[in-house]
Amino acid sequence: MARYLLDTNIIAFFITSDFDNLTNKTKEILNDYNNQLYVSSVAVVELLQLFNLGKIKPKKYKTANALYECIETDFSLEGNAAGKGCLRTAKGSYIFF
């Protein structure tokens, strides 16, 4: 079993189903269920900012909260370096983690 800390762009390509921008090695890592995938709190904030600015448009997730829940579930996000907290998005909504 290997552990990987995923960069923001990898997660963005993954959640938007833009698999053409992922290398074959990256696809292998993401598809190997024996690997542990980690996401930093900074990457989560960056993804939510990209979402709120309209720079990423995942078809499956219509709100920032739905996107966050995807990250939490799909990447088994359990806390992070910043601990539990609250983010205020550019549109004024709040995201709790």
N, C-alpha and C. Protein backbone atom coordinates (compact mmCIF):
# COMPACT_ATOMS: atom_id res chain seq x y z
N MET A 1 0.85 -1.18 0.00
CA MET A 1 0.00 0.00 0.00
C MET A 1 0.89 1.24 0.00
N ALA A 2 0.53 2.18 -0.83
CA ALA A 2 1.27 3.43 -0.91
C ALA A 2 0.35 4.59 -0.54
N ARG A 3 0.95 5.67 -0.08
CA ARG A 3 0.19 6.86 0.28
C ARG A 3 0.59 8.00 -0.64
N TYR A 4 -0.41 8.77 -1.10
CA TYR A 4 -0.16 9.87 -2.02
C TYR A 4 -0.90 11.12 -1.57
N LEU A 5 -0.19 12.23 -1.58
CA LEU A 5 -0.80 13.54 -1.34
C LEU A 5 -1.07 14.14 -2.71
N LEU A 6 -2.35 14.33 -3.02
CA LEU A 6 -2.73 14.78 -4.36
C LEU A 6 -2.70 16.30 -4.46
N ASP A 7 -2.16 16.77 -5.57
CA ASP A 7 -2.10 18.19 -5.84
C ASP A 7 -3.47 18.67 -6.34
N THR A 8 -3.72 19.95 -6.24
CA THR A 8 -5.01 20.52 -6.61
C THR A 8 -5.40 20.18 -8.04
N ASN A 9 -4.46 20.27 -8.98
CA ASN A 9 -4.82 20.03 -10.38
C ASN A 9 -5.25 18.58 -10.61
N ILE A 10 -4.65 17.63 -9.92
CA ILE A 10 -5.04 16.22 -10.06
C ILE A 10 -6.48 16.04 -9.59
N ILE A 11 -6.80 16.61 -8.45
CA ILE A 11 -8.16 16.49 -7.90
C ILE A 11 -9.15 17.19 -8.83
N ALA A 12 -8.78 18.35 -9.34
CA ALA A 12 -9.68 19.09 -10.25
C ALA A 12 -9.97 18.27 -11.50
N PHE A 13 -8.94 17.66 -12.09
CA PHE A 13 -9.16 16.82 -13.28
C PHE A 13 -10.02 15.61 -12.92
N PHE A 14 -9.79 15.05 -11.76
CA PHE A 14 -10.53 13.86 -11.33
C PHE A 14 -12.02 14.17 -11.13
N ILE A 15 -12.33 15.24 -10.40
CA ILE A 15 -13.73 15.52 -10.09
C ILE A 15 -14.50 16.09 -11.29
N THR A 16 -13.78 16.62 -12.28
CA THR A 16 -14.45 17.10 -13.49
C THR A 16 -14.43 16.06 -14.60
N SER A 17 -13.95 14.87 -14.27
CA SER A 17 -13.87 13.75 -15.23
C SER A 17 -13.04 14.11 -16.46
N ASP A 18 -12.05 14.94 -16.27
CA ASP A 18 -11.14 15.34 -17.36
C ASP A 18 -9.91 14.43 -17.32
N PHE A 19 -10.15 13.14 -17.55
CA PHE A 19 -9.10 12.14 -17.40
C PHE A 19 -8.03 12.23 -18.49
N ASP A 20 -8.32 12.91 -19.59
CA ASP A 20 -7.32 13.06 -20.66
C ASP A 20 -6.11 13.85 -20.19
N ASN A 21 -6.28 14.70 -19.18
CA ASN A 21 -5.17 15.50 -18.67
C ASN A 21 -4.35 14.78 -17.60
N LEU A 22 -4.75 13.56 -17.25
CA LEU A 22 -4.00 12.77 -16.28
C LEU A 22 -3.07 11.80 -17.00
N THR A 23 -1.88 11.65 -16.48
CA THR A 23 -0.95 10.68 -17.07
C THR A 23 -1.42 9.27 -16.77
N ASN A 24 -0.92 8.32 -17.51
CA ASN A 24 -1.28 6.92 -17.26
C ASN A 24 -0.88 6.49 -15.86
N LYS A 25 0.28 6.94 -15.39
CA LYS A 25 0.74 6.60 -14.04
C LYS A 25 -0.21 7.16 -12.99
N THR A 26 -0.67 8.38 -13.19
CA THR A 26 -1.61 9.00 -12.25
C THR A 26 -2.93 8.23 -12.23
N LYS A 27 -3.40 7.83 -13.41
CA LYS A 27 -4.64 7.04 -13.48
C LYS A 27 -4.48 5.72 -12.74
N GLU A 28 -3.31 5.10 -12.89
CA GLU A 28 -3.06 3.84 -12.17
C GLU A 28 -3.12 4.06 -10.66
N ILE A 29 -2.51 5.13 -10.19
CA ILE A 29 -2.50 5.44 -8.76
C ILE A 29 -3.93 5.67 -8.26
N LEU A 30 -4.71 6.46 -9.00
CA LEU A 30 -6.08 6.76 -8.58
C LEU A 30 -6.99 5.53 -8.61
N ASN A 31 -6.73 4.62 -9.52
CA ASN A 31 -7.58 3.44 -9.67
C ASN A 31 -7.15 2.26 -8.80
N ASP A 32 -6.02 2.36 -8.14
CA ASP A 32 -5.55 1.28 -7.27
C ASP A 32 -6.13 1.50 -5.88
N TYR A 33 -7.11 0.66 -5.53
CA TYR A 33 -7.81 0.82 -4.26
C TYR A 33 -6.95 0.48 -3.05
N ASN A 34 -5.76 -0.04 -3.27
CA ASN A 34 -4.84 -0.30 -2.17
C ASN A 34 -4.10 0.97 -1.74
N ASN A 35 -4.12 1.99 -2.60
CA ASN A 35 -3.44 3.25 -2.28
C ASN A 35 -4.29 4.09 -1.34
N GLN A 36 -3.63 4.85 -0.49
CA GLN A 36 -4.31 5.84 0.34
C GLN A 36 -4.07 7.20 -0.30
N LEU A 37 -5.17 7.89 -0.60
CA LEU A 37 -5.08 9.19 -1.26
C LEU A 37 -5.40 10.28 -0.24
N TYR A 38 -4.57 11.30 -0.21
CA TYR A 38 -4.75 12.39 0.74
C TYR A 38 -4.90 13.71 -0.01
N VAL A 39 -5.64 14.61 0.61
CA VAL A 39 -5.87 15.95 0.07
C VAL A 39 -5.55 16.94 1.18
N SER A 40 -4.74 17.93 0.89
CA SER A 40 -4.41 18.93 1.92
C SER A 40 -5.55 19.94 2.06
N SER A 41 -5.59 20.58 3.20
CA SER A 41 -6.61 21.61 3.43
C SER A 41 -6.44 22.76 2.44
N VAL A 42 -5.21 23.05 2.05
CA VAL A 42 -4.96 24.12 1.08
C VAL A 42 -5.55 23.74 -0.28
N ALA A 43 -5.40 22.48 -0.68
CA ALA A 43 -5.96 22.03 -1.96
C ALA A 43 -7.48 22.13 -1.94
N VAL A 44 -8.09 21.82 -0.80
CA VAL A 44 -9.55 21.91 -0.68
C VAL A 44 -9.99 23.36 -0.85
N VAL A 45 -9.31 24.28 -0.17
CA VAL A 45 -9.64 25.70 -0.30
C VAL A 45 -9.47 26.15 -1.74
N GLU A 46 -8.37 25.75 -2.39
CA GLU A 46 -8.14 26.12 -3.79
C GLU A 46 -9.25 25.59 -4.69
N LEU A 47 -9.66 24.34 -4.48
CA LEU A 47 -10.73 23.77 -5.30
C LEU A 47 -12.04 24.52 -5.12
N LEU A 48 -12.36 24.85 -3.88
CA LEU A 48 -13.61 25.59 -3.62
C LEU A 48 -13.56 26.98 -4.24
N GLN A 49 -12.39 27.61 -4.20
CA GLN A 49 -12.26 28.92 -4.84
C GLN A 49 -12.41 28.80 -6.36
N LEU A 50 -11.78 27.79 -6.95
CA LEU A 50 -11.91 27.57 -8.39
C LEU A 50 -13.37 27.31 -8.77
N PHE A 51 -14.06 26.54 -7.95
CA PHE A 51 -15.47 26.24 -8.19
C PHE A 51 -16.30 27.52 -8.12
N ASN A 52 -16.11 28.30 -7.08
CA ASN A 52 -16.90 29.53 -6.90
C ASN A 52 -16.60 30.58 -7.96
N LEU A 53 -15.40 30.55 -8.52
CA LEU A 53 -15.05 31.48 -9.60
C LEU A 53 -15.50 30.96 -10.97
N GLY A 54 -16.00 29.72 -11.01
CA GLY A 54 -16.47 29.14 -12.27
C GLY A 54 -15.34 28.59 -13.14
N LYS A 55 -14.15 28.42 -12.56
CA LYS A 55 -13.02 27.93 -13.34
C LYS A 55 -13.02 26.41 -13.47
N ILE A 56 -13.68 25.73 -12.54
CA ILE A 56 -13.94 24.29 -12.71
C ILE A 56 -15.44 24.10 -12.61
N LYS A 57 -15.95 23.24 -13.46
CA LYS A 57 -17.40 23.02 -13.51
C LYS A 57 -17.71 21.53 -13.53
N PRO A 58 -17.60 20.89 -12.37
CA PRO A 58 -17.95 19.47 -12.34
C PRO A 58 -19.44 19.30 -12.56
N LYS A 59 -19.81 18.46 -13.52
CA LYS A 59 -21.22 18.26 -13.86
C LYS A 59 -22.00 17.67 -12.71
N LYS A 60 -21.33 16.85 -11.92
CA LYS A 60 -21.99 16.11 -10.85
C LYS A 60 -22.30 16.96 -9.62
N TYR A 61 -21.57 18.05 -9.42
CA TYR A 61 -21.70 18.83 -8.19
C TYR A 61 -22.16 20.24 -8.51
N LYS A 62 -23.31 20.61 -7.97
CA LYS A 62 -23.90 21.92 -8.29
C LYS A 62 -23.60 22.98 -7.25
N THR A 63 -23.16 22.57 -6.05
CA THR A 63 -22.86 23.53 -5.00
C THR A 63 -21.46 23.26 -4.44
N ALA A 64 -20.91 24.26 -3.76
CA ALA A 64 -19.61 24.09 -3.13
C ALA A 64 -19.67 23.03 -2.03
N ASN A 65 -20.80 22.99 -1.32
CA ASN A 65 -20.94 21.98 -0.27
C ASN A 65 -20.96 20.57 -0.85
N ALA A 66 -21.63 20.38 -1.97
CA ALA A 66 -21.65 19.06 -2.63
C ALA A 66 -20.25 18.68 -3.09
N LEU A 67 -19.51 19.65 -3.59
CA LEU A 67 -18.14 19.39 -4.02
C LEU A 67 -17.28 18.99 -2.82
N TYR A 68 -17.43 19.73 -1.72
CA TYR A 68 -16.65 19.40 -0.53
C TYR A 68 -16.99 17.99 -0.03
N GLU A 69 -18.28 17.64 -0.02
CA GLU A 69 -18.68 16.30 0.43
C GLU A 69 -18.08 15.23 -0.47
N CYS A 70 -17.97 15.50 -1.77
CA CYS A 70 -17.32 14.57 -2.70
C CYS A 70 -15.88 14.36 -2.30
N ILE A 71 -15.17 15.44 -2.05
CA ILE A 71 -13.77 15.33 -1.66
C ILE A 71 -13.64 14.56 -0.36
N GLU A 72 -14.51 14.88 0.58
CA GLU A 72 -14.48 14.22 1.89
C GLU A 72 -14.74 12.72 1.75
N THR A 73 -15.70 12.35 0.91
CA THR A 73 -16.07 10.95 0.73
C THR A 73 -15.09 10.21 -0.17
N ASP A 74 -14.86 10.73 -1.37
CA ASP A 74 -14.03 10.04 -2.35
C ASP A 74 -12.57 9.93 -1.93
N PHE A 75 -12.10 10.92 -1.18
CA PHE A 75 -10.71 10.90 -0.76
C PHE A 75 -10.56 10.65 0.73
N SER A 76 -11.64 10.24 1.38
CA SER A 76 -11.63 9.93 2.81
C SER A 76 -10.94 11.02 3.63
N LEU A 77 -11.34 12.24 3.38
CA LEU A 77 -10.75 13.36 4.09
C LEU A 77 -11.23 13.36 5.53
N GLU A 78 -10.32 13.26 6.45
CA GLU A 78 -10.65 13.25 7.87
C GLU A 78 -9.80 14.30 8.56
N GLY A 79 -10.37 15.47 8.72
CA GLY A 79 -9.57 16.52 9.32
C GLY A 79 -8.44 16.92 8.40
N ASN A 80 -7.61 17.80 8.84
CA ASN A 80 -6.48 18.26 8.04
C ASN A 80 -5.56 19.07 8.93
N ALA A 81 -4.54 19.61 8.34
CA ALA A 81 -3.55 20.35 9.12
C ALA A 81 -4.16 21.54 9.84
N ALA A 82 -5.18 22.13 9.25
CA ALA A 82 -5.81 23.30 9.86
C ALA A 82 -6.86 22.91 10.88
N GLY A 83 -7.21 21.65 10.95
CA GLY A 83 -8.24 21.21 11.88
C GLY A 83 -9.62 21.52 11.35
N LYS A 84 -10.62 21.28 12.18
CA LYS A 84 -12.00 21.57 11.78
C LYS A 84 -12.18 23.08 11.73
N GLY A 85 -13.02 23.53 10.83
CA GLY A 85 -13.21 24.96 10.71
C GLY A 85 -14.34 25.33 9.80
N CYS A 86 -14.33 26.56 9.36
CA CYS A 86 -15.39 27.08 8.51
C CYS A 86 -14.75 27.99 7.47
N LEU A 87 -15.23 27.88 6.24
CA LEU A 87 -14.77 28.74 5.16
C LEU A 87 -15.94 29.58 4.67
N ARG A 88 -15.68 30.82 4.34
CA ARG A 88 -16.70 31.63 3.70
C ARG A 88 -16.31 31.75 2.24
N THR A 89 -17.21 31.34 1.36
CA THR A 89 -16.91 31.35 -0.07
C THR A 89 -17.06 32.75 -0.64
N ALA A 90 -16.61 32.90 -1.89
CA ALA A 90 -16.69 34.20 -2.56
C ALA A 90 -18.13 34.66 -2.70
N LYS A 91 -19.08 33.72 -2.75
CA LYS A 91 -20.48 34.07 -2.92
C LYS A 91 -21.19 34.26 -1.58
N GLY A 92 -20.43 34.19 -0.48
CA GLY A 92 -21.01 34.45 0.82
C GLY A 92 -21.57 33.26 1.55
N SER A 93 -21.54 32.06 0.94
CA SER A 93 -22.04 30.90 1.65
C SER A 93 -20.93 30.33 2.53
N TYR A 94 -21.30 29.51 3.47
CA TYR A 94 -20.33 28.94 4.40
C TYR A 94 -20.17 27.45 4.15
N ILE A 95 -18.95 26.99 4.33
CA ILE A 95 -18.65 25.58 4.19
C ILE A 95 -17.98 25.16 5.48
N PHE A 96 -18.55 24.17 6.14
CA PHE A 96 -18.00 23.67 7.38
C PHE A 96 -17.24 22.39 7.14
N PHE A 97 -16.10 22.24 7.82
CA PHE A 97 -15.32 21.02 7.71
C PHE A 97 -14.65 20.73 9.03
